[in-house]
Amino acid sequence: MTACLLATFEWIVWHPPSSSTKQNSRRSLHAPEGREDNARMTCRHEILDVVASLTAGRTPKTFTMLEVLGGLRARGTTCTDTTIRTYLASTMCVNAPSNRRTQYPDLKRIGLGLYELL
C-alpha cells in the first residue's frame, strides 16, 4: 500500500496538470476587436459580440436567449450553456436580483427569455 501511494505521489509530482485549467478551458481564445492577439475573450465579451450582431438591424434591440445560444454554438464557443444562461439572466442583466458579486449593466430582461441590449 505504501509503495502504491509513493508511486502515485511521484507520478503527480512528475506529471503536473497542463497549463489549461478548468477556468481557462471555458474561455474562448479569440481576441476581441481592438485587443492584442494574446488577450483572451471572456464569455461576456463573446455574448456581447453575438448580441451586437443579432441586434444590428433591429429597431428595438431585442433578442432571445435561444438566439444567443445558437449564435455562440455556431461560432464554436468554449463557454458552457449553463455559463451563458447565467451571464444572460443574472450577471449581465440590470433588472436581475443582485445576488452576484459582479453585475454589468449590459442587458435588460423584458420578458420570459427575451432581452434588450442597453
C-alpha atoms as a PDB file:
ATOM      1  CA  MET A   1       0.000   0.000   0.000  1.00  0.00           C
ATOM      2  CA  THR A   2       2.796   2.424   0.897  1.00  0.00           C
ATOM      3  CA  ALA A   3       4.631   1.692  -2.331  1.00  0.00           C
ATOM      4  CA  CYS A   4       1.437   2.363  -4.287  1.00  0.00           C
ATOM      5  CA  LEU A   5       0.926   5.725  -2.562  1.00  0.00           C
ATOM      6  CA  LEU A   6       4.558   6.650  -3.127  1.00  0.00           C
ATOM      7  CA  ALA A   7       4.300   5.760  -6.818  1.00  0.00           C
ATOM      8  CA  THR A   8       1.128   7.809  -7.166  1.00  0.00           C
ATOM      9  CA  PHE A   9       2.750  10.788  -5.444  1.00  0.00           C
ATOM     10  CA  GLU A  10       5.825  10.556  -7.689  1.00  0.00           C
ATOM     11  CA  TRP A  11       3.614  10.415 -10.785  1.00  0.00           C
ATOM     12  CA  ILE A  12       1.728  13.536  -9.676  1.00  0.00           C
ATOM     13  CA  VAL A  13       4.971  15.394  -8.980  1.00  0.00           C
ATOM     14  CA  TRP A  14       6.497  14.490 -12.346  1.00  0.00           C
ATOM     15  CA  HIS A  15       3.270  14.937 -14.342  1.00  0.00           C
ATOM     16  CA  PRO A  16       1.721  18.228 -13.199  1.00  0.00           C
ATOM     17  CA  PRO A  17      -1.614  19.293 -14.691  1.00  0.00           C
ATOM     18  CA  SER A  18      -1.432  21.004 -18.042  1.00  0.00           C
ATOM     19  CA  SER A  19      -1.396  24.795 -18.178  1.00  0.00           C
ATOM     20  CA  SER A  20      -5.012  24.891 -19.344  1.00  0.00           C
ATOM     21  CA  THR A  21      -7.004  24.950 -16.141  1.00  0.00           C
ATOM     22  CA  LYS A  22     -10.721  24.332 -15.846  1.00  0.00           C
ATOM     23  CA  GLN A  23     -11.355  28.082 -15.748  1.00  0.00           C
ATOM     24  CA  ASN A  24      -9.277  28.760 -18.876  1.00  0.00           C
ATOM     25  CA  SER A  25     -10.918  25.927 -20.807  1.00  0.00           C
ATOM     26  CA  ARG A  26     -14.270  27.713 -20.547  1.00  0.00           C
ATOM     27  CA  ARG A  27     -12.979  30.835 -22.223  1.00  0.00           C
ATOM     28  CA  SER A  28     -12.519  31.386 -25.883  1.00  0.00           C
ATOM     29  CA  LEU A  29      -9.050  32.045 -27.212  1.00  0.00           C
ATOM     30  CA  HIS A  30     -10.283  34.522 -29.804  1.00  0.00           C
ATOM     31  CA  ALA A  31      -9.113  38.085 -29.247  1.00  0.00           C
ATOM     32  CA  PRO A  32     -11.840  40.745 -29.277  1.00  0.00           C
ATOM     33  CA  GLU A  33     -11.589  43.588 -31.767  1.00  0.00           C
ATOM     34  CA  GLY A  34      -9.138  46.262 -30.733  1.00  0.00           C
ATOM     35  CA  ARG A  35      -7.254  43.973 -28.356  1.00  0.00           C
ATOM     36  CA  GLU A  36      -3.915  42.252 -28.713  1.00  0.00           C
ATOM     37  CA  ASP A  37      -3.807  38.720 -30.082  1.00  0.00           C
ATOM     38  CA  ASN A  38      -2.692  37.292 -26.746  1.00  0.00           C
ATOM     39  CA  ALA A  39      -5.706  38.747 -24.910  1.00  0.00           C
ATOM     40  CA  ARG A  40      -8.435  36.216 -24.184  1.00  0.00           C
ATOM     41  CA  MET A  41     -12.054  36.916 -24.907  1.00  0.00           C
ATOM     42  CA  THR A  42     -14.274  36.215 -21.921  1.00  0.00           C
ATOM     43  CA  CYS A  43     -17.715  34.637 -22.167  1.00  0.00           C
ATOM     44  CA  ARG A  44     -19.215  38.070 -21.513  1.00  0.00           C
ATOM     45  CA  HIS A  45     -17.362  39.531 -24.489  1.00  0.00           C
ATOM     46  CA  GLU A  46     -18.407  36.629 -26.684  1.00  0.00           C
ATOM     47  CA  ILE A  47     -22.042  37.114 -25.652  1.00  0.00           C
ATOM     48  CA  LEU A  48     -21.880  40.863 -26.307  1.00  0.00           C
ATOM     49  CA  ASP A  49     -20.322  40.206 -29.707  1.00  0.00           C
ATOM     50  CA  VAL A  50     -23.128  37.806 -30.681  1.00  0.00           C
ATOM     51  CA  VAL A  51     -25.816  40.121 -29.281  1.00  0.00           C
ATOM     52  CA  ALA A  52     -24.418  43.060 -31.254  1.00  0.00           C
ATOM     53  CA  SER A  53     -24.550  41.038 -34.469  1.00  0.00           C
ATOM     54  CA  LEU A  54     -28.074  39.787 -33.704  1.00  0.00           C
ATOM     55  CA  THR A  55     -29.466  43.248 -32.982  1.00  0.00           C
ATOM     56  CA  ALA A  56     -27.613  45.116 -35.744  1.00  0.00           C
ATOM     57  CA  GLY A  57     -30.668  45.676 -37.948  1.00  0.00           C
ATOM     58  CA  ARG A  58     -33.375  45.688 -35.307  1.00  0.00           C
ATOM     59  CA  THR A  59     -35.061  48.866 -34.120  1.00  0.00           C
ATOM     60  CA  PRO A  60     -35.809  47.646 -30.609  1.00  0.00           C
ATOM     61  CA  LYS A  61     -32.556  45.851 -29.875  1.00  0.00           C
ATOM     62  CA  THR A  62     -34.268  42.712 -28.568  1.00  0.00           C
ATOM     63  CA  PHE A  63     -33.156  39.098 -28.742  1.00  0.00           C
ATOM     64  CA  THR A  64     -33.887  35.758 -27.130  1.00  0.00           C
ATOM     65  CA  MET A  65     -31.663  33.537 -25.053  1.00  0.00           C
ATOM     66  CA  LEU A  66     -32.002  30.772 -27.647  1.00  0.00           C
ATOM     67  CA  GLU A  67     -30.708  33.093 -30.386  1.00  0.00           C
ATOM     68  CA  VAL A  68     -27.617  33.853 -28.315  1.00  0.00           C
ATOM     69  CA  LEU A  69     -27.025  30.180 -27.505  1.00  0.00           C
ATOM     70  CA  GLY A  70     -27.335  29.272 -31.188  1.00  0.00           C
ATOM     71  CA  GLY A  71     -25.052  32.125 -32.259  1.00  0.00           C
ATOM     72  CA  LEU A  72     -22.363  31.164 -29.774  1.00  0.00           C
ATOM     73  CA  ARG A  73     -22.543  27.486 -30.736  1.00  0.00           C
ATOM     74  CA  ALA A  74     -22.222  28.432 -34.401  1.00  0.00           C
ATOM     75  CA  ARG A  75     -19.067  30.372 -33.570  1.00  0.00           C
ATOM     76  CA  GLY A  76     -17.629  27.410 -31.679  1.00  0.00           C
ATOM     77  CA  THR A  77     -17.592  28.913 -28.203  1.00  0.00           C
ATOM     78  CA  THR A  78     -15.925  27.157 -25.319  1.00  0.00           C
ATOM     79  CA  CYS A  79     -18.405  28.636 -22.836  1.00  0.00           C
ATOM     80  CA  THR A  80     -20.889  26.129 -21.466  1.00  0.00           C
ATOM     81  CA  ASP A  81     -24.636  26.620 -21.933  1.00  0.00           C
ATOM     82  CA  THR A  82     -25.013  26.986 -18.178  1.00  0.00           C
ATOM     83  CA  THR A  83     -22.451  29.793 -18.082  1.00  0.00           C
ATOM     84  CA  ILE A  84     -24.106  31.583 -20.997  1.00  0.00           C
ATOM     85  CA  ARG A  85     -27.545  31.334 -19.374  1.00  0.00           C
ATOM     86  CA  THR A  86     -26.176  32.591 -16.055  1.00  0.00           C
ATOM     87  CA  TYR A  87     -24.499  35.557 -17.710  1.00  0.00           C
ATOM     88  CA  LEU A  88     -27.628  36.490 -19.664  1.00  0.00           C
ATOM     89  CA  ALA A  89     -30.146  36.021 -16.861  1.00  0.00           C
ATOM     90  CA  SER A  90     -28.094  37.381 -13.991  1.00  0.00           C
ATOM     91  CA  THR A  91     -24.580  38.732 -14.436  1.00  0.00           C
ATOM     92  CA  MET A  92     -25.259  40.996 -17.441  1.00  0.00           C
ATOM     93  CA  CYS A  93     -28.879  41.895 -16.649  1.00  0.00           C
ATOM     94  CA  VAL A  94     -29.626  45.218 -14.890  1.00  0.00           C
ATOM     95  CA  ASN A  95     -33.005  44.159 -13.528  1.00  0.00           C
ATOM     96  CA  ALA A  96     -31.841  40.805 -12.140  1.00  0.00           C
ATOM     97  CA  PRO A  97     -31.608  40.305  -8.375  1.00  0.00           C
ATOM     98  CA  SER A  98     -28.231  41.451  -7.087  1.00  0.00           C
ATOM     99  CA  ASN A  99     -27.095  38.076  -5.759  1.00  0.00           C
ATOM    100  CA  ARG A 100     -23.858  38.076  -7.741  1.00  0.00           C
ATOM    101  CA  ARG A 101     -20.606  39.711  -6.783  1.00  0.00           C
ATOM    102  CA  THR A 102     -20.233  41.364 -10.180  1.00  0.00           C
ATOM    103  CA  GLN A 103     -23.095  42.656 -12.270  1.00  0.00           C
ATOM    104  CA  TYR A 104     -22.855  44.512 -15.577  1.00  0.00           C
ATOM    105  CA  PRO A 105     -25.492  46.896 -16.996  1.00  0.00           C
ATOM    106  CA  ASP A 106     -25.432  45.328 -20.464  1.00  0.00           C
ATOM    107  CA  LEU A 107     -28.931  43.909 -20.894  1.00  0.00           C
ATOM    108  CA  LYS A 108     -32.467  44.341 -19.635  1.00  0.00           C
ATOM    109  CA  ARG A 109     -34.940  41.493 -19.324  1.00  0.00           C
ATOM    110  CA  ILE A 110     -38.241  42.469 -20.925  1.00  0.00           C
ATOM    111  CA  GLY A 111     -39.976  39.092 -20.965  1.00  0.00           C
ATOM    112  CA  LEU A 112     -39.544  35.382 -20.483  1.00  0.00           C
ATOM    113  CA  GLY A 113     -36.301  34.607 -22.307  1.00  0.00           C
ATOM    114  CA  LEU A 114     -36.455  37.999 -24.057  1.00  0.00           C
ATOM    115  CA  TYR A 115     -33.781  40.649 -23.515  1.00  0.00           C
ATOM    116  CA  GLU A 116     -32.883  44.114 -24.770  1.00  0.00           C
ATOM    117  CA  LEU A 117     -29.366  45.421 -25.360  1.00  0.00           C
ATOM    118  CA  LEU A 118     -28.744  48.662 -23.455  1.00  0.00           C
END
